[in-house]
Protein backbone atom coordinates (compact mmCIF):
# COMPACT_ATOMS: atom_id res chain seq x y z
CA MET A 1 0.33 -2.38 -4.30
CA LYS A 2 -0.89 -4.04 -7.47
CA PRO A 3 1.23 -2.32 -10.12
CA SER A 4 4.46 -4.12 -10.90
CA TYR A 5 6.63 -1.20 -9.79
CA GLY A 6 5.21 -1.67 -6.28
CA TRP A 7 6.60 -5.21 -6.16
CA VAL A 8 9.98 -3.96 -7.34
CA LEU A 9 10.02 -1.37 -4.57
CA ALA A 10 9.02 -4.03 -2.04
CA ARG A 11 11.89 -6.24 -3.21
CA GLU A 12 14.35 -3.36 -2.92
CA TYR A 13 13.24 -2.45 0.60
CA PHE A 14 12.69 -5.91 2.08
CA GLY A 15 14.97 -8.18 0.04
CA GLN A 16 14.31 -11.39 -1.82
CA ARG A 17 14.40 -13.67 1.22
CA ILE A 18 11.02 -12.54 2.54
CA MET A 19 9.23 -11.65 -0.70
CA GLY A 20 6.62 -14.36 -0.12
CA THR A 21 5.75 -12.82 3.22
CA VAL A 22 5.57 -9.34 1.71
CA PHE A 23 3.38 -10.56 -1.17
CA GLY A 24 1.12 -12.42 1.24
CA ALA A 25 0.72 -9.49 3.62
CA ALA A 26 0.03 -6.99 0.83
CA THR A 27 -2.48 -9.31 -0.82
CA MET A 28 -4.21 -10.05 2.49
CA VAL A 29 -4.59 -6.37 3.37
CA SER A 30 -5.83 -5.58 -0.12
CA SER A 31 -8.35 -8.44 -0.02
CA LEU A 32 -9.65 -7.43 3.40
CA GLY A 33 -10.11 -3.87 2.20
CA MET A 34 -12.02 -5.05 -0.86
CA ALA A 35 -14.15 -7.38 1.24
CA PHE A 36 -15.06 -5.07 4.12
CA GLY A 37 -14.88 -1.68 2.39
CA PRO A 38 -18.36 -1.81 0.83
CA LEU A 39 -19.83 -3.13 4.07
CA ALA A 40 -18.26 -0.33 6.10
CA GLY A 41 -19.23 2.25 3.47
CA GLY A 42 -22.83 1.07 3.48
CA TRP A 43 -22.94 1.21 7.26
CA VAL A 44 -21.51 4.76 7.30
CA PHE A 45 -24.03 5.93 4.69
CA ASP A 46 -26.95 4.28 6.49
CA THR A 47 -25.86 5.77 9.81
CA PHE A 48 -25.14 9.35 8.70
CA ASP A 49 -27.36 9.51 5.57
CA ALA A 50 -24.64 11.29 3.60
CA TYR A 51 -21.55 10.51 1.59
CA SER A 52 -19.44 13.24 3.19
CA TRP A 53 -18.07 10.95 5.92
CA LEU A 54 -17.04 8.43 3.27
CA TYR A 55 -15.04 11.12 1.49
CA ILE A 56 -13.43 12.14 4.77
CA GLY A 57 -12.59 8.50 5.54
CA SER A 58 -11.12 7.97 2.08
CA MET A 59 -8.99 11.09 2.43
CA SER A 60 -7.77 9.87 5.82
CA VAL A 61 -6.73 6.52 4.36
CA ALA A 62 -4.92 8.28 1.51
CA LEU A 63 -3.07 10.59 3.92
CA GLY A 64 -2.12 7.58 6.03
CA ALA A 65 -0.72 5.83 2.96
CA VAL A 66 1.34 8.91 2.10
CA ALA A 67 2.64 9.05 5.68
CA VAL A 68 3.69 5.39 5.54
CA ALA A 69 5.38 5.93 2.16
CA LEU A 70 7.30 8.93 3.47
CA ALA A 71 8.37 7.01 6.58
CA PHE A 72 10.52 4.66 4.50
CA PRO A 73 14.15 5.76 4.32
CA PRO A 74 15.54 6.50 0.85
CA LEU A 75 17.21 3.60 -0.89
CA PRO A 76 21.02 3.74 -0.91
CA LEU A 77 22.51 4.44 -4.31
CA ARG A 78 24.16 1.46 -5.88
CA ALA A 79 27.63 1.60 -7.31
CA ARG A 80 27.67 2.37 -11.02
CA ASP A 81 29.58 -0.84 -11.78
CA ALA A 82 26.91 -2.97 -10.09
CA LEU A 83 24.26 -1.63 -12.46
CA GLN A 84 26.13 -2.50 -15.65
CA THR A 85 25.40 -6.02 -16.83
CA ALA A 86 27.55 -6.27 -19.95
């Protein structure tokens, strides 16, 4: 969730009181993936001698991310007056 719109969505879903926790958890998961991903990918390639299982694993992670994104309920619409600042 590196793009800035991801942080805005996190703020809208979780609120400002726990944004530090949300930032920390997202950064930790991202860092662990970047740290262990190449190690796991190398192990899979050395074990199966093909990249096909890496593609299947990547597709599984992507489908899991889509499932998590779709599991969030839609944000409630704000009142029109609340959106006007001037």
